[in-house]
């Protein structure tokens, strides 16, 4: 499934059911975005080999904290709502990752 956000191909894969076992895997979806020319991340910490942030849920100051998934936030890794402008411009539907304390 390709979207303007992915810049190339985004592959959506749902694990196949095991024969003889009909058990729903609620909420389990793997999405793999492959960057094309320019990559998915337009400008955040490009000097780093890999952008990785670790947050301990017990140390969150709010009961619900939104984290950026669109790579356009001015407060990365926190969401600042930049995805709204991105979605309107591209027709994408990306939103934040919400982490509950």
N, C-alpha and C. Protein backbone atom coordinates (compact mmCIF):
# COMPACT_ATOMS: atom_id res chain seq x y z
N UNK A 1 0.85 -1.16 0.00
CA UNK A 1 0.00 0.00 0.00
C UNK A 1 0.90 1.22 0.00
N UNK A 2 0.85 2.01 -1.05
CA UNK A 2 1.68 3.20 -1.11
C UNK A 2 0.87 4.43 -0.74
N UNK A 3 1.48 5.33 -0.02
CA UNK A 3 0.84 6.59 0.34
C UNK A 3 1.82 7.70 0.04
N UNK A 4 1.34 8.94 -0.10
CA UNK A 4 2.27 10.05 -0.33
C UNK A 4 3.28 10.18 0.80
N UNK A 5 2.91 9.80 2.03
CA UNK A 5 3.79 9.91 3.17
C UNK A 5 4.99 8.99 3.04
N UNK A 6 4.79 7.81 2.51
CA UNK A 6 5.86 6.82 2.45
C UNK A 6 6.93 7.16 1.42
N UNK A 7 6.64 7.98 0.46
CA UNK A 7 7.56 8.37 -0.59
C UNK A 7 7.89 7.21 -1.52
N UNK A 8 7.66 5.99 -1.13
CA UNK A 8 7.87 4.83 -1.99
C UNK A 8 6.77 3.83 -1.68
N UNK A 9 7.14 2.69 -1.15
CA UNK A 9 6.15 1.66 -0.87
C UNK A 9 6.06 1.39 0.62
N UNK A 10 4.85 1.31 1.11
CA UNK A 10 4.61 0.89 2.48
C UNK A 10 3.94 -0.47 2.39
N UNK A 11 4.52 -1.44 3.00
CA UNK A 11 3.95 -2.77 2.95
C UNK A 11 3.19 -3.06 4.23
N UNK A 12 1.95 -3.47 4.08
CA UNK A 12 1.11 -3.81 5.21
C UNK A 12 1.00 -5.32 5.24
N UNK A 13 1.42 -5.92 6.35
CA UNK A 13 1.33 -7.37 6.44
C UNK A 13 0.58 -7.78 7.69
N UNK A 14 -0.36 -8.67 7.51
CA UNK A 14 -1.13 -9.21 8.61
C UNK A 14 -0.76 -10.67 8.73
N UNK A 15 -0.34 -11.13 9.93
CA UNK A 15 0.06 -12.52 10.09
C UNK A 15 -1.06 -13.46 9.68
N UNK A 16 -0.70 -14.48 8.91
CA UNK A 16 -1.68 -15.46 8.44
C UNK A 16 -2.12 -16.37 9.58
N UNK A 17 -3.36 -16.82 9.49
CA UNK A 17 -3.89 -17.73 10.52
C UNK A 17 -3.23 -19.09 10.38
N UNK A 18 -2.95 -19.73 11.48
CA UNK A 18 -2.38 -21.06 11.49
C UNK A 18 -3.48 -22.06 11.13
N UNK A 19 -3.24 -22.97 10.18
CA UNK A 19 -4.28 -23.94 9.82
C UNK A 19 -4.76 -24.70 11.05
N UNK A 20 -6.07 -24.84 11.15
CA UNK A 20 -6.64 -25.57 12.28
C UNK A 20 -6.88 -24.70 13.50
N UNK A 21 -6.37 -23.49 13.49
CA UNK A 21 -6.54 -22.57 14.63
C UNK A 21 -7.21 -21.31 14.11
N UNK A 22 -8.41 -21.09 14.53
CA UNK A 22 -9.13 -19.88 14.13
C UNK A 22 -9.20 -18.97 15.34
N UNK A 23 -8.13 -18.28 15.58
CA UNK A 23 -8.05 -17.38 16.72
C UNK A 23 -7.66 -15.99 16.21
N UNK A 24 -8.52 -15.04 16.44
CA UNK A 24 -8.28 -13.69 15.94
C UNK A 24 -7.11 -13.06 16.70
N UNK A 25 -6.29 -12.35 15.98
CA UNK A 25 -5.18 -11.61 16.58
C UNK A 25 -5.57 -10.15 16.56
N UNK A 26 -6.33 -9.75 17.53
CA UNK A 26 -6.87 -8.40 17.59
C UNK A 26 -5.76 -7.37 17.76
N UNK A 27 -5.74 -6.41 16.88
CA UNK A 27 -4.82 -5.30 17.02
C UNK A 27 -3.39 -5.59 16.60
N UNK A 28 -3.11 -6.69 15.94
CA UNK A 28 -1.75 -7.02 15.54
C UNK A 28 -1.57 -6.77 14.06
N UNK A 29 -0.91 -5.69 13.72
CA UNK A 29 -0.65 -5.35 12.33
C UNK A 29 0.79 -4.84 12.25
N UNK A 30 1.53 -5.32 11.29
CA UNK A 30 2.90 -4.87 11.10
C UNK A 30 2.96 -3.98 9.86
N UNK A 31 3.53 -2.79 9.98
CA UNK A 31 3.66 -1.88 8.86
C UNK A 31 5.13 -1.62 8.64
N UNK A 32 5.55 -1.76 7.42
CA UNK A 32 6.95 -1.52 7.08
C UNK A 32 7.00 -0.43 6.03
N UNK A 33 7.59 0.68 6.36
CA UNK A 33 7.73 1.78 5.42
C UNK A 33 9.13 1.77 4.86
N UNK A 34 9.23 1.78 3.55
CA UNK A 34 10.53 1.81 2.90
C UNK A 34 10.74 3.18 2.29
N UNK A 35 11.82 3.80 2.65
CA UNK A 35 12.10 5.15 2.18
C UNK A 35 12.52 5.15 0.73
N UNK A 36 12.06 6.13 0.02
CA UNK A 36 12.50 6.35 -1.36
C UNK A 36 13.55 7.43 -1.36
N UNK A 37 13.62 8.19 -2.40
CA UNK A 37 14.57 9.28 -2.48
C UNK A 37 14.23 10.31 -1.41
N UNK A 38 15.19 10.66 -0.58
CA UNK A 38 14.95 11.64 0.47
C UNK A 38 14.55 11.03 1.80
N UNK A 39 14.05 9.83 1.82
CA UNK A 39 13.68 9.16 3.07
C UNK A 39 12.36 9.62 3.64
N UNK A 40 11.96 9.00 4.71
CA UNK A 40 10.71 9.32 5.39
C UNK A 40 10.90 10.51 6.31
N UNK A 41 12.02 10.55 7.00
CA UNK A 41 12.34 11.63 7.94
C UNK A 41 12.89 12.82 7.16
N UNK A 42 12.15 13.94 7.09
CA UNK A 42 12.62 15.06 6.30
C UNK A 42 13.75 15.88 6.92
N UNK A 43 13.80 15.98 8.29
CA UNK A 43 14.81 16.88 8.85
C UNK A 43 15.19 16.63 10.31
N UNK A 44 14.65 15.64 10.96
CA UNK A 44 14.88 15.48 12.40
C UNK A 44 16.14 14.68 12.69
N UNK A 45 17.10 15.33 13.35
CA UNK A 45 18.34 14.70 13.82
C UNK A 45 19.00 13.84 12.73
N UNK A 46 19.17 14.42 11.55
CA UNK A 46 19.73 13.71 10.40
C UNK A 46 21.20 13.33 10.60
N UNK A 47 21.90 14.00 11.54
CA UNK A 47 23.30 13.68 11.77
C UNK A 47 23.48 12.36 12.52
N UNK A 48 22.39 11.83 13.10
CA UNK A 48 22.46 10.57 13.83
C UNK A 48 22.23 9.40 12.88
N UNK A 49 22.94 8.30 13.12
CA UNK A 49 22.79 7.11 12.28
C UNK A 49 21.36 6.57 12.36
N UNK A 50 20.79 6.55 13.58
CA UNK A 50 19.43 6.08 13.80
C UNK A 50 18.81 6.91 14.91
N UNK A 51 17.60 7.41 14.69
CA UNK A 51 16.92 8.22 15.71
C UNK A 51 16.16 7.26 16.63
N UNK A 52 16.60 7.20 17.88
CA UNK A 52 15.98 6.32 18.87
C UNK A 52 15.75 7.12 20.14
N UNK A 53 14.53 7.05 20.67
CA UNK A 53 14.21 7.71 21.93
C UNK A 53 13.61 6.67 22.87
N UNK A 54 14.03 6.70 24.12
CA UNK A 54 13.49 5.79 25.13
C UNK A 54 12.84 6.61 26.24
N UNK A 55 11.63 6.25 26.59
CA UNK A 55 10.90 6.93 27.65
C UNK A 55 10.32 5.87 28.57
N UNK A 56 10.58 6.00 29.85
CA UNK A 56 9.99 5.09 30.83
C UNK A 56 8.59 5.57 31.15
N UNK A 57 7.59 4.72 30.96
CA UNK A 57 6.20 5.12 31.14
C UNK A 57 5.95 5.68 32.54
N UNK A 58 6.62 5.19 33.55
CA UNK A 58 6.45 5.69 34.91
C UNK A 58 6.94 7.10 35.11
N UNK A 59 7.79 7.59 34.21
CA UNK A 59 8.33 8.93 34.33
C UNK A 59 7.57 9.97 33.53
N UNK A 60 6.50 9.56 32.85
CA UNK A 60 5.70 10.51 32.09
C UNK A 60 4.99 11.46 33.04
N UNK A 61 4.94 12.73 32.68
CA UNK A 61 4.32 13.72 33.56
C UNK A 61 2.81 13.82 33.36
N UNK A 62 2.32 13.39 32.21
CA UNK A 62 0.89 13.45 31.92
C UNK A 62 0.31 12.04 31.87
N UNK A 63 -0.99 11.90 32.14
CA UNK A 63 -1.60 10.56 32.06
C UNK A 63 -1.67 10.04 30.63
N UNK A 64 -1.67 10.94 29.63
CA UNK A 64 -1.70 10.54 28.22
C UNK A 64 -0.72 11.44 27.47
N UNK A 65 0.30 10.85 26.85
CA UNK A 65 1.33 11.62 26.17
C UNK A 65 1.34 11.25 24.69
N UNK A 66 1.18 12.24 23.78
CA UNK A 66 1.22 11.95 22.34
C UNK A 66 2.65 12.03 21.78
N UNK A 67 3.06 10.99 21.06
CA UNK A 67 4.37 10.96 20.42
C UNK A 67 4.21 11.04 18.91
N UNK A 68 5.12 11.76 18.27
CA UNK A 68 5.07 12.00 16.83
C UNK A 68 5.35 10.72 16.04
N UNK A 69 4.56 10.50 14.98
CA UNK A 69 4.82 9.41 14.05
C UNK A 69 4.95 9.92 12.62
N UNK A 70 4.79 11.25 12.42
CA UNK A 70 4.85 11.80 11.06
C UNK A 70 6.22 12.39 10.72
N UNK A 71 7.09 12.53 11.69
CA UNK A 71 8.44 13.07 11.52
C UNK A 71 8.43 14.55 11.16
N UNK A 72 7.34 15.27 11.44
CA UNK A 72 7.29 16.68 11.11
C UNK A 72 7.14 17.58 12.33
N UNK A 73 7.10 17.00 13.50
CA UNK A 73 6.88 17.75 14.74
C UNK A 73 8.07 18.65 15.07
N UNK A 74 7.76 19.88 15.47
CA UNK A 74 8.80 20.80 15.94
C UNK A 74 9.24 20.49 17.36
N UNK A 75 8.51 19.59 18.03
CA UNK A 75 8.84 19.19 19.41
C UNK A 75 9.18 17.71 19.48
N UNK A 76 9.67 17.14 18.36
CA UNK A 76 9.98 15.72 18.29
C UNK A 76 10.85 15.29 19.48
N UNK A 77 10.56 14.18 20.16
CA UNK A 77 9.67 13.10 19.76
C UNK A 77 8.21 13.30 20.15
N UNK A 78 7.88 14.42 20.79
CA UNK A 78 6.48 14.66 21.15
C UNK A 78 5.72 15.23 19.96
N UNK A 79 4.43 14.93 19.88
CA UNK A 79 3.57 15.41 18.81
C UNK A 79 3.18 16.86 19.08
N UNK A 80 3.24 17.69 18.02
CA UNK A 80 2.78 19.07 18.15
C UNK A 80 1.62 19.35 17.19
N UNK A 81 1.07 18.31 16.59
CA UNK A 81 -0.06 18.47 15.68
C UNK A 81 0.34 18.73 14.24
N UNK A 82 1.62 18.67 13.91
CA UNK A 82 2.08 18.92 12.54
C UNK A 82 1.49 17.95 11.53
N UNK A 83 1.07 16.78 12.01
CA UNK A 83 0.48 15.79 11.10
C UNK A 83 -0.81 16.30 10.46
N UNK A 84 -1.50 17.24 11.10
CA UNK A 84 -2.74 17.77 10.55
C UNK A 84 -2.48 18.47 9.21
N UNK A 85 -1.45 19.33 9.18
CA UNK A 85 -1.07 20.03 7.95
C UNK A 85 -0.58 19.03 6.91
N UNK A 86 0.24 18.08 7.35
CA UNK A 86 0.77 17.05 6.45
C UNK A 86 -0.38 16.24 5.84
N UNK A 87 -1.32 15.81 6.67
CA UNK A 87 -2.45 15.01 6.18
C UNK A 87 -3.29 15.78 5.17
N UNK A 88 -3.53 17.07 5.44
CA UNK A 88 -4.33 17.89 4.54
C UNK A 88 -3.62 18.05 3.20
N UNK A 89 -2.31 18.24 3.23
CA UNK A 89 -1.53 18.45 2.01
C UNK A 89 -1.37 17.18 1.18
N UNK A 90 -1.29 16.03 1.84
CA UNK A 90 -0.97 14.80 1.13
C UNK A 90 -2.12 13.79 1.04
N UNK A 91 -3.18 13.98 1.83
CA UNK A 91 -4.25 12.99 1.84
C UNK A 91 -3.92 11.81 2.73
N UNK A 92 -2.83 11.90 3.49
CA UNK A 92 -2.42 10.82 4.40
C UNK A 92 -3.33 10.83 5.64
N UNK A 93 -3.19 9.85 6.49
CA UNK A 93 -4.02 9.77 7.70
C UNK A 93 -3.20 9.49 8.96
N UNK A 94 -1.94 9.90 8.96
CA UNK A 94 -1.06 9.63 10.10
C UNK A 94 -1.49 10.46 11.31
N UNK A 95 -1.33 9.89 12.49
CA UNK A 95 -1.63 10.57 13.75
C UNK A 95 -0.60 10.19 14.78
N UNK A 96 -0.74 10.70 16.00
CA UNK A 96 0.27 10.43 17.04
C UNK A 96 0.13 9.04 17.66
N UNK A 97 1.20 8.60 18.29
CA UNK A 97 1.18 7.42 19.16
C UNK A 97 0.82 7.95 20.54
N UNK A 98 -0.26 7.45 21.11
CA UNK A 98 -0.69 7.90 22.45
C UNK A 98 -0.22 6.89 23.47
N UNK A 99 0.55 7.35 24.46
CA UNK A 99 1.08 6.47 25.52
C UNK A 99 0.41 6.84 26.82
N UNK A 100 -0.23 5.83 27.45
CA UNK A 100 -0.91 6.05 28.74
C UNK A 100 0.05 5.73 29.87
N UNK A 101 -0.01 6.53 30.92
CA UNK A 101 0.82 6.32 32.09
C UNK A 101 0.24 5.22 32.94
